[in-house]
Amino acid sequence: MRAAADAVERAHALPRLRVGLHPVLADGDAALPRTRIAALLNEHGRFGDNMVRDGVWFFFLPHVPEQLAREIRAQFEAFANTGSCSIT
């Protein structure tokens, strides 16, 4: 997410450049506010950096899949809103 503005600028400057999105679900910032995906974020409002522990939480907690879907969709929508791609 930190380099997103630079990546978007490069994608617009190089229209033949093929770009894609790698959703962030570990050790990074979320697209949605903490209030919408609290089960996914640590006390600092970021995705955790322990992928094994977080993966277990993501898999076993019943309310987490909906929050994951919501966050992943928000990241794809943010990417599409840059004009660098279209989502099909």
PDB file of N, CA and C in Angstrom:
ATOM      1  N   MET A   1       0.803  -1.197   0.000  1.00  0.00           N
ATOM      2  CA  MET A   1       0.000   0.000   0.000  1.00  0.00           C
ATOM      3  C   MET A   1       0.851   1.270   0.000  1.00  0.00           C
ATOM      4  N   ARG A   2       2.005   1.231   0.647  1.00  0.00           N
ATOM      5  CA  ARG A   2       2.834   2.438   0.725  1.00  0.00           C
ATOM      6  C   ARG A   2       3.339   2.872  -0.643  1.00  0.00           C
ATOM      7  N   ALA A   3       3.610   1.931  -1.498  1.00  0.00           N
ATOM      8  CA  ALA A   3       4.142   2.245  -2.828  1.00  0.00           C
ATOM      9  C   ALA A   3       3.053   2.323  -3.882  1.00  0.00           C
ATOM     10  N   ALA A   4       1.806   2.299  -3.468  1.00  0.00           N
ATOM     11  CA  ALA A   4       0.698   2.257  -4.427  1.00  0.00           C
ATOM     12  C   ALA A   4       0.679   3.472  -5.348  1.00  0.00           C
ATOM     13  N   ALA A   5       0.876   4.659  -4.820  1.00  0.00           N
ATOM     14  CA  ALA A   5       0.822   5.865  -5.660  1.00  0.00           C
ATOM     15  C   ALA A   5       1.890   5.819  -6.744  1.00  0.00           C
ATOM     16  N   ASP A   6       3.084   5.393  -6.380  1.00  0.00           N
ATOM     17  CA  ASP A   6       4.165   5.275  -7.360  1.00  0.00           C
ATOM     18  C   ASP A   6       3.828   4.214  -8.404  1.00  0.00           C
ATOM     19  N   ALA A   7       3.282   3.094  -7.977  1.00  0.00           N
ATOM     20  CA  ALA A   7       2.924   2.017  -8.907  1.00  0.00           C
ATOM     21  C   ALA A   7       1.844   2.473  -9.882  1.00  0.00           C
ATOM     22  N   VAL A   8       0.867   3.199  -9.394  1.00  0.00           N
ATOM     23  CA  VAL A   8      -0.204   3.710 -10.258  1.00  0.00           C
ATOM     24  C   VAL A   8       0.370   4.689 -11.280  1.00  0.00           C
ATOM     25  N   GLU A   9       1.236   5.564 -10.822  1.00  0.00           N
ATOM     26  CA  GLU A   9       1.867   6.529 -11.730  1.00  0.00           C
ATOM     27  C   GLU A   9       2.644   5.802 -12.838  1.00  0.00           C
ATOM     28  N   ARG A  10       3.385   4.786 -12.466  1.00  0.00           N
ATOM     29  CA  ARG A  10       4.150   4.022 -13.453  1.00  0.00           C
ATOM     30  C   ARG A  10       3.225   3.289 -14.421  1.00  0.00           C
ATOM     31  N   ALA A  11       2.150   2.723 -13.915  1.00  0.00           N
ATOM     32  CA  ALA A  11       1.208   2.000 -14.773  1.00  0.00           C
ATOM     33  C   ALA A  11       0.574   2.931 -15.796  1.00  0.00           C
ATOM     34  N   HIS A  12       0.256   4.147 -15.389  1.00  0.00           N
ATOM     35  CA  HIS A  12      -0.326   5.117 -16.319  1.00  0.00           C
ATOM     36  C   HIS A  12       0.706   5.603 -17.336  1.00  0.00           C
ATOM     37  N   ALA A  13       1.949   5.726 -16.907  1.00  0.00           N
ATOM     38  CA  ALA A  13       3.012   6.193 -17.806  1.00  0.00           C
ATOM     39  C   ALA A  13       3.430   5.108 -18.806  1.00  0.00           C
ATOM     40  N   LEU A  14       3.209   3.869 -18.451  1.00  0.00           N
ATOM     41  CA  LEU A  14       3.603   2.736 -19.296  1.00  0.00           C
ATOM     42  C   LEU A  14       2.367   1.878 -19.595  1.00  0.00           C
ATOM     43  N   PRO A  15       1.514   2.314 -20.518  1.00  0.00           N
ATOM     44  CA  PRO A  15       0.232   1.630 -20.731  1.00  0.00           C
ATOM     45  C   PRO A  15       0.351   0.163 -21.153  1.00  0.00           C
ATOM     46  N   ARG A  16       1.497  -0.248 -21.684  1.00  0.00           N
ATOM     47  CA  ARG A  16       1.655  -1.645 -22.068  1.00  0.00           C
ATOM     48  C   ARG A  16       2.141  -2.513 -20.903  1.00  0.00           C
ATOM     49  N   LEU A  17       2.481  -1.877 -19.808  1.00  0.00           N
ATOM     50  CA  LEU A  17       2.909  -2.599 -18.626  1.00  0.00           C
ATOM     51  C   LEU A  17       1.733  -3.405 -18.074  1.00  0.00           C
ATOM     52  N   ARG A  18       1.959  -4.662 -17.835  1.00  0.00           N
ATOM     53  CA  ARG A  18       0.916  -5.511 -17.273  1.00  0.00           C
ATOM     54  C   ARG A  18       1.004  -5.429 -15.751  1.00  0.00           C
ATOM     55  N   VAL A  19      -0.089  -5.064 -15.140  1.00  0.00           N
ATOM     56  CA  VAL A  19      -0.099  -4.906 -13.687  1.00  0.00           C
ATOM     57  C   VAL A  19      -1.131  -5.843 -13.063  1.00  0.00           C
ATOM     58  N   GLY A  20      -0.962  -6.094 -11.803  1.00  0.00           N
ATOM     59  CA  GLY A  20      -1.898  -6.931 -11.068  1.00  0.00           C
ATOM     60  C   GLY A  20      -1.917  -6.534  -9.607  1.00  0.00           C
ATOM     61  N   LEU A  21      -2.790  -7.166  -8.880  1.00  0.00           N
ATOM     62  CA  LEU A  21      -2.944  -6.870  -7.462  1.00  0.00           C
ATOM     63  C   LEU A  21      -2.604  -8.100  -6.643  1.00  0.00           C
ATOM     64  N   HIS A  22      -1.837  -7.882  -5.608  1.00  0.00           N
ATOM     65  CA  HIS A  22      -1.558  -8.917  -4.621  1.00  0.00           C
ATOM     66  C   HIS A  22      -2.233  -8.459  -3.332  1.00  0.00           C
ATOM     67  N   PRO A  23      -3.383  -9.038  -2.980  1.00  0.00           N
ATOM     68  CA  PRO A  23      -4.075  -8.595  -1.762  1.00  0.00           C
ATOM     69  C   PRO A  23      -3.171  -8.712  -0.537  1.00  0.00           C
ATOM     70  N   VAL A  24      -3.299  -7.763   0.353  1.00  0.00           N
ATOM     71  CA  VAL A  24      -2.523  -7.728   1.588  1.00  0.00           C
ATOM     72  C   VAL A  24      -3.398  -8.283   2.714  1.00  0.00           C
ATOM     73  N   LEU A  25      -2.957  -9.390   3.313  1.00  0.00           N
ATOM     74  CA  LEU A  25      -3.650  -9.961   4.468  1.00  0.00           C
ATOM     75  C   LEU A  25      -2.672 -10.304   5.577  1.00  0.00           C
ATOM     76  N   ALA A  26      -1.425  -9.893   5.408  1.00  0.00           N
ATOM     77  CA  ALA A  26      -0.393 -10.147   6.418  1.00  0.00           C
ATOM     78  C   ALA A  26       0.592  -8.987   6.433  1.00  0.00           C
ATOM     79  N   ASP A  27       0.946  -8.556   7.630  1.00  0.00           N
ATOM     80  CA  ASP A  27       1.989  -7.553   7.829  1.00  0.00           C
ATOM     81  C   ASP A  27       1.815  -6.318   6.944  1.00  0.00           C
ATOM     82  N   GLY A  28       0.632  -5.727   6.997  1.00  0.00           N
ATOM     83  CA  GLY A  28       0.390  -4.534   6.193  1.00  0.00           C
ATOM     84  C   GLY A  28      -0.860  -3.807   6.648  1.00  0.00           C
ATOM     85  N   ASP A  29      -1.169  -2.757   5.914  1.00  0.00           N
ATOM     86  CA  ASP A  29      -2.330  -1.931   6.213  1.00  0.00           C
ATOM     87  C   ASP A  29      -3.566  -2.448   5.485  1.00  0.00           C
ATOM     88  N   ALA A  30      -4.710  -2.228   6.085  1.00  0.00           N
ATOM     89  CA  ALA A  30      -5.983  -2.630   5.495  1.00  0.00           C
ATOM     90  C   ALA A  30      -6.573  -1.492   4.665  1.00  0.00           C
ATOM     91  N   ALA A  31      -7.416  -1.856   3.727  1.00  0.00           N
ATOM     92  CA  ALA A  31      -8.136  -0.859   2.936  1.00  0.00           C
ATOM     93  C   ALA A  31      -9.350  -0.333   3.702  1.00  0.00           C
ATOM     94  N   LEU A  32      -9.941  -1.200   4.508  1.00  0.00           N
ATOM     95  CA  LEU A  32     -11.138  -0.829   5.265  1.00  0.00           C
ATOM     96  C   LEU A  32     -10.770  -0.371   6.674  1.00  0.00           C
ATOM     97  N   PRO A  33     -11.644   0.410   7.279  1.00  0.00           N
ATOM     98  CA  PRO A  33     -11.390   0.814   8.667  1.00  0.00           C
ATOM     99  C   PRO A  33     -11.497  -0.381   9.623  1.00  0.00           C
ATOM    100  N   ARG A  34     -10.810  -0.277  10.707  1.00  0.00           N
ATOM    101  CA  ARG A  34     -10.768  -1.344  11.718  1.00  0.00           C
ATOM    102  C   ARG A  34     -12.165  -1.755  12.178  1.00  0.00           C
ATOM    103  N   THR A  35     -13.071  -0.830  12.254  1.00  0.00           N
ATOM    104  CA  THR A  35     -14.423  -1.139  12.728  1.00  0.00           C
ATOM    105  C   THR A  35     -15.144  -2.141  11.827  1.00  0.00           C
ATOM    106  N   ARG A  36     -14.751  -2.239  10.562  1.00  0.00           N
ATOM    107  CA  ARG A  36     -15.410  -3.157   9.624  1.00  0.00           C
ATOM    108  C   ARG A  36     -14.755  -4.528   9.573  1.00  0.00           C
ATOM    109  N   ILE A  37     -13.493  -4.640  10.032  1.00  0.00           N
ATOM    110  CA  ILE A  37     -12.768  -5.917   9.934  1.00  0.00           C
ATOM    111  C   ILE A  37     -11.896  -6.152  11.165  1.00  0.00           C
ATOM    112  N   ALA A  38     -12.439  -5.882  12.323  1.00  0.00           N
ATOM    113  CA  ALA A  38     -11.672  -5.930  13.574  1.00  0.00           C
ATOM    114  C   ALA A  38     -11.014  -7.276  13.830  1.00  0.00           C
ATOM    115  N   ALA A  39     -11.635  -8.382  13.421  1.00  0.00           N
ATOM    116  CA  ALA A  39     -11.069  -9.711  13.683  1.00  0.00           C
ATOM    117  C   ALA A  39      -9.800  -9.969  12.880  1.00  0.00           C
ATOM    118  N   LEU A  40      -9.550  -9.156  11.855  1.00  0.00           N
ATOM    119  CA  LEU A  40      -8.400  -9.373  10.988  1.00  0.00           C
ATOM    120  C   LEU A  40      -7.168  -8.574  11.404  1.00  0.00           C
ATOM    121  N   LEU A  41      -7.348  -7.571  12.241  1.00  0.00           N
ATOM    122  CA  LEU A  41      -6.276  -6.610  12.511  1.00  0.00           C
ATOM    123  C   LEU A  41      -5.756  -6.721  13.940  1.00  0.00           C
ATOM    124  N   ASN A  42      -4.489  -6.354  14.109  1.00  0.00           N
ATOM    125  CA  ASN A  42      -3.902  -6.375  15.448  1.00  0.00           C
ATOM    126  C   ASN A  42      -4.245  -5.090  16.198  1.00  0.00           C
ATOM    127  N   GLU A  43      -3.662  -4.939  17.365  1.00  0.00           N
ATOM    128  CA  GLU A  43      -3.966  -3.773  18.212  1.00  0.00           C
ATOM    129  C   GLU A  43      -3.519  -2.447  17.592  1.00  0.00           C
ATOM    130  N   HIS A  44      -2.684  -2.497  16.568  1.00  0.00           N
ATOM    131  CA  HIS A  44      -2.223  -1.297  15.891  1.00  0.00           C
ATOM    132  C   HIS A  44      -3.015  -1.009  14.616  1.00  0.00           C
ATOM    133  N   GLY A  45      -4.049  -1.812  14.361  1.00  0.00           N
ATOM    134  CA  GLY A  45      -4.877  -1.608  13.184  1.00  0.00           C
ATOM    135  C   GLY A  45      -4.247  -2.128  11.906  1.00  0.00           C
ATOM    136  N   ARG A  46      -3.310  -3.074  12.035  1.00  0.00           N
ATOM    137  CA  ARG A  46      -2.627  -3.656  10.872  1.00  0.00           C
ATOM    138  C   ARG A  46      -2.829  -5.168  10.874  1.00  0.00           C
ATOM    139  N   PHE A  47      -2.666  -5.766   9.710  1.00  0.00           N
ATOM    140  CA  PHE A  47      -2.670  -7.218   9.639  1.00  0.00           C
ATOM    141  C   PHE A  47      -1.459  -7.731  10.402  1.00  0.00           C
ATOM    142  N   GLY A  48      -1.624  -8.863  11.067  1.00  0.00           N
ATOM    143  CA  GLY A  48      -0.546  -9.428  11.854  1.00  0.00           C
ATOM    144  C   GLY A  48       0.590  -9.958  10.995  1.00  0.00           C
ATOM    145  N   ASP A  49       1.712 -10.250  11.647  1.00  0.00           N
ATOM    146  CA  ASP A  49       2.876 -10.754  10.922  1.00  0.00           C
ATOM    147  C   ASP A  49       3.161 -12.224  11.240  1.00  0.00           C
ATOM    148  N   ASN A  50       2.244 -12.882  11.951  1.00  0.00           N
ATOM    149  CA  ASN A  50       2.380 -14.303  12.239  1.00  0.00           C
ATOM    150  C   ASN A  50       1.368 -15.039  11.364  1.00  0.00           C
ATOM    151  N   MET A  51       1.797 -15.449  10.178  1.00  0.00           N
ATOM    152  CA  MET A  51       0.867 -15.998   9.205  1.00  0.00           C
ATOM    153  C   MET A  51       0.251 -17.321   9.647  1.00  0.00           C
ATOM    154  N   VAL A  52       0.960 -18.116  10.409  1.00  0.00           N
ATOM    155  CA  VAL A  52       0.397 -19.382  10.884  1.00  0.00           C
ATOM    156  C   VAL A  52      -0.747 -19.099  11.855  1.00  0.00           C
ATOM    157  N   ARG A  53      -0.488 -18.295  12.861  1.00  0.00           N
ATOM    158  CA  ARG A  53      -1.529 -17.953  13.843  1.00  0.00           C
ATOM    159  C   ARG A  53      -2.714 -17.287  13.161  1.00  0.00           C
ATOM    160  N   ASP A  54      -2.434 -16.300  12.313  1.00  0.00           N
ATOM    161  CA  ASP A  54      -3.514 -15.576  11.650  1.00  0.00           C
ATOM    162  C   ASP A  54      -4.301 -16.486  10.721  1.00  0.00           C
ATOM    163  N   GLY A  55      -3.605 -17.393  10.036  1.00  0.00           N
ATOM    164  CA  GLY A  55      -4.298 -18.340   9.161  1.00  0.00           C
ATOM    165  C   GLY A  55      -5.251 -19.227   9.937  1.00  0.00           C
ATOM    166  N   VAL A  56      -4.846 -19.648  11.122  1.00  0.00           N
ATOM    167  CA  VAL A  56      -5.728 -20.456  11.969  1.00  0.00           C
ATOM    168  C   VAL A  56      -6.951 -19.640  12.370  1.00  0.00           C
ATOM    169  N   TRP A  57      -6.724 -18.391  12.780  1.00  0.00           N
ATOM    170  CA  TRP A  57      -7.860 -17.521  13.124  1.00  0.00           C
ATOM    171  C   TRP A  57      -8.782 -17.344  11.930  1.00  0.00           C
ATOM    172  N   PHE A  58      -8.201 -17.072  10.778  1.00  0.00           N
ATOM    173  CA  PHE A  58      -9.001 -16.843   9.571  1.00  0.00           C
ATOM    174  C   PHE A  58      -9.845 -18.076   9.242  1.00  0.00           C
ATOM    175  N   PHE A  59      -9.286 -19.251   9.470  1.00  0.00           N
ATOM    176  CA  PHE A  59      -9.974 -20.477   9.110  1.00  0.00           C
ATOM    177  C   PHE A  59     -11.037 -20.882  10.135  1.00  0.00           C
ATOM    178  N   PHE A  60     -10.730 -20.745  11.419  1.00  0.00           N
ATOM    179  CA  PHE A  60     -11.596 -21.314  12.444  1.00  0.00           C
ATOM    180  C   PHE A  60     -12.613 -20.359  13.056  1.00  0.00           C
ATOM    181  N   LEU A  61     -12.390 -19.077  13.016  1.00  0.00           N
ATOM    182  CA  LEU A  61     -13.365 -18.160  13.612  1.00  0.00           C
ATOM    183  C   LEU A  61     -14.521 -17.943  12.629  1.00  0.00           C
ATOM    184  N   PRO A  62     -15.759 -18.178  13.057  1.00  0.00           N
ATOM    185  CA  PRO A  62     -16.881 -18.182  12.129  1.00  0.00           C
ATOM    186  C   PRO A  62     -17.189 -16.828  11.483  1.00  0.00           C
ATOM    187  N   HIS A  63     -16.875 -15.735  12.115  1.00  0.00           N
ATOM    188  CA  HIS A  63     -17.190 -14.420  11.559  1.00  0.00           C
ATOM    189  C   HIS A  63     -16.079 -13.867  10.653  1.00  0.00           C
ATOM    190  N   VAL A  64     -14.958 -14.542  10.584  1.00  0.00           N
ATOM    191  CA  VAL A  64     -13.808 -14.036   9.839  1.00  0.00           C
ATOM    192  C   VAL A  64     -13.964 -14.134   8.318  1.00  0.00           C
ATOM    193  N   PRO A  65     -14.485 -15.214   7.744  1.00  0.00           N
ATOM    194  CA  PRO A  65     -14.571 -15.278   6.278  1.00  0.00           C
ATOM    195  C   PRO A  65     -15.317 -14.096   5.654  1.00  0.00           C
ATOM    196  N   GLU A  66     -16.362 -13.645   6.296  1.00  0.00           N
ATOM    197  CA  GLU A  66     -17.096 -12.480   5.776  1.00  0.00           C
ATOM    198  C   GLU A  66     -16.219 -11.228   5.804  1.00  0.00           C
ATOM    199  N   GLN A  67     -15.465 -11.061   6.883  1.00  0.00           N
ATOM    200  CA  GLN A  67     -14.576  -9.908   6.972  1.00  0.00           C
ATOM    201  C   GLN A  67     -13.451 -10.002   5.944  1.00  0.00           C
ATOM    202  N   LEU A  68     -12.913 -11.198   5.735  1.00  0.00           N
ATOM    203  CA  LEU A  68     -11.891 -11.396   4.709  1.00  0.00           C
ATOM    204  C   LEU A  68     -12.436 -11.022   3.331  1.00  0.00           C
ATOM    205  N   ALA A  69     -13.609 -11.513   3.013  1.00  0.00           N
ATOM    206  CA  ALA A  69     -14.212 -11.211   1.709  1.00  0.00           C
ATOM    207  C   ALA A  69     -14.423  -9.713   1.543  1.00  0.00           C
ATOM    208  N   ARG A  70     -14.877  -9.065   2.598  1.00  0.00           N
ATOM    209  CA  ARG A  70     -15.118  -7.619   2.558  1.00  0.00           C
ATOM    210  C   ARG A  70     -13.811  -6.862   2.297  1.00  0.00           C
ATOM    211  N   GLU A  71     -12.742  -7.234   2.992  1.00  0.00           N
ATOM    212  CA  GLU A  71     -11.451  -6.551   2.832  1.00  0.00           C
ATOM    213  C   GLU A  71     -10.842  -6.822   1.458  1.00  0.00           C
ATOM    214  N   ILE A  72     -10.879  -8.060   1.014  1.00  0.00           N
ATOM    215  CA  ILE A  72     -10.314  -8.389  -0.301  1.00  0.00           C
ATOM    216  C   ILE A  72     -11.066  -7.631  -1.392  1.00  0.00           C
ATOM    217  N   ARG A  73     -12.376  -7.577  -1.297  1.00  0.00           N
ATOM    218  CA  ARG A  73     -13.172  -6.831  -2.277  1.00  0.00           C
ATOM    219  C   ARG A  73     -12.792  -5.343  -2.253  1.00  0.00           C
ATOM    220  N   ALA A  74     -12.614  -4.792  -1.067  1.00  0.00           N
ATOM    221  CA  ALA A  74     -12.234  -3.372  -0.949  1.00  0.00           C
ATOM    222  C   ALA A  74     -10.880  -3.115  -1.597  1.00  0.00           C
ATOM    223  N   GLN A  75      -9.944  -4.042  -1.442  1.00  0.00           N
ATOM    224  CA  GLN A  75      -8.634  -3.874  -2.071  1.00  0.00           C
ATOM    225  C   GLN A  75      -8.745  -3.935  -3.594  1.00  0.00           C
ATOM    226  N   PHE A  76      -9.542  -4.856  -4.118  1.00  0.00           N
ATOM    227  CA  PHE A  76      -9.732  -4.926  -5.565  1.00  0.00           C
ATOM    228  C   PHE A  76     -10.436  -3.676  -6.091  1.00  0.00           C
ATOM    229  N   GLU A  77     -11.422  -3.183  -5.359  1.00  0.00           N
ATOM    230  CA  GLU A  77     -12.118  -1.964  -5.787  1.00  0.00           C
ATOM    231  C   GLU A  77     -11.183  -0.757  -5.766  1.00  0.00           C
ATOM    232  N   ALA A  78     -10.333  -0.656  -4.758  1.00  0.00           N
ATOM    233  CA  ALA A  78      -9.371   0.437  -4.689  1.00  0.00           C
ATOM    234  C   ALA A  78      -8.419   0.364  -5.882  1.00  0.00           C
ATOM    235  N   PHE A  79      -7.999  -0.840  -6.228  1.00  0.00           N
ATOM    236  CA  PHE A  79      -7.123  -1.036  -7.377  1.00  0.00           C
ATOM    237  C   PHE A  79      -7.835  -0.632  -8.664  1.00  0.00           C
ATOM    238  N   ALA A  80      -9.065  -1.068  -8.829  1.00  0.00           N
ATOM    239  CA  ALA A  80      -9.828  -0.726 -10.033  1.00  0.00           C
ATOM    240  C   ALA A  80     -10.056   0.788 -10.131  1.00  0.00           C
ATOM    241  N   ASN A  81     -10.224   1.447  -9.009  1.00  0.00           N
ATOM    242  CA  ASN A  81     -10.470   2.899  -9.009  1.00  0.00           C
ATOM    243  C   ASN A  81      -9.255   3.712  -9.434  1.00  0.00           C
ATOM    244  N   THR A  82      -8.092   3.084  -9.511  1.00  0.00           N
ATOM    245  CA  THR A  82      -6.905   3.809  -9.971  1.00  0.00           C
ATOM    246  C   THR A  82      -6.926   3.993 -11.483  1.00  0.00           C
ATOM    247  N   GLY A  83      -7.791   3.236 -12.173  1.00  0.00           N
ATOM    248  CA  GLY A  83      -7.825   3.311 -13.628  1.00  0.00           C
ATOM    249  C   GLY A  83      -6.720   2.500 -14.279  1.00  0.00           C
ATOM    250  N   SER A  84      -6.003   1.721 -13.495  1.00  0.00           N
ATOM    251  CA  SER A  84      -4.892   0.924 -14.019  1.00  0.00           C
ATOM    252  C   SER A  84      -5.357  -0.437 -14.532  1.00  0.00           C
ATOM    253  N   CYS A  85      -6.615  -0.767 -14.260  1.00  0.00           N
ATOM    254  CA  CYS A  85      -7.111  -2.069 -14.663  1.00  0.00           C
ATOM    255  C   CYS A  85      -8.622  -2.046 -14.685  1.00  0.00           C
ATOM    256  N   SER A  86      -9.193  -3.161 -15.064  1.00  0.00           N
ATOM    257  CA  SER A  86     -10.636  -3.347 -14.897  1.00  0.00           C
ATOM    258  C   SER A  86     -10.834  -4.710 -14.264  1.00  0.00           C
ATOM    259  N   ILE A  87     -11.819  -4.786 -13.411  1.00  0.00           N
ATOM    260  CA  ILE A  87     -12.125  -6.041 -12.726  1.00  0.00           C
ATOM    261  C   ILE A  87     -13.251  -6.716 -13.482  1.00  0.00           C
ATOM    262  N   THR A  88     -13.023  -7.975 -13.809  1.00  0.00           N
ATOM    263  CA  THR A  88     -14.081  -8.728 -14.495  1.00  0.00           C
ATOM    264  C   THR A  88     -14.569  -9.854 -13.633  1.00  0.00           C
TER     265      THR A  88
END
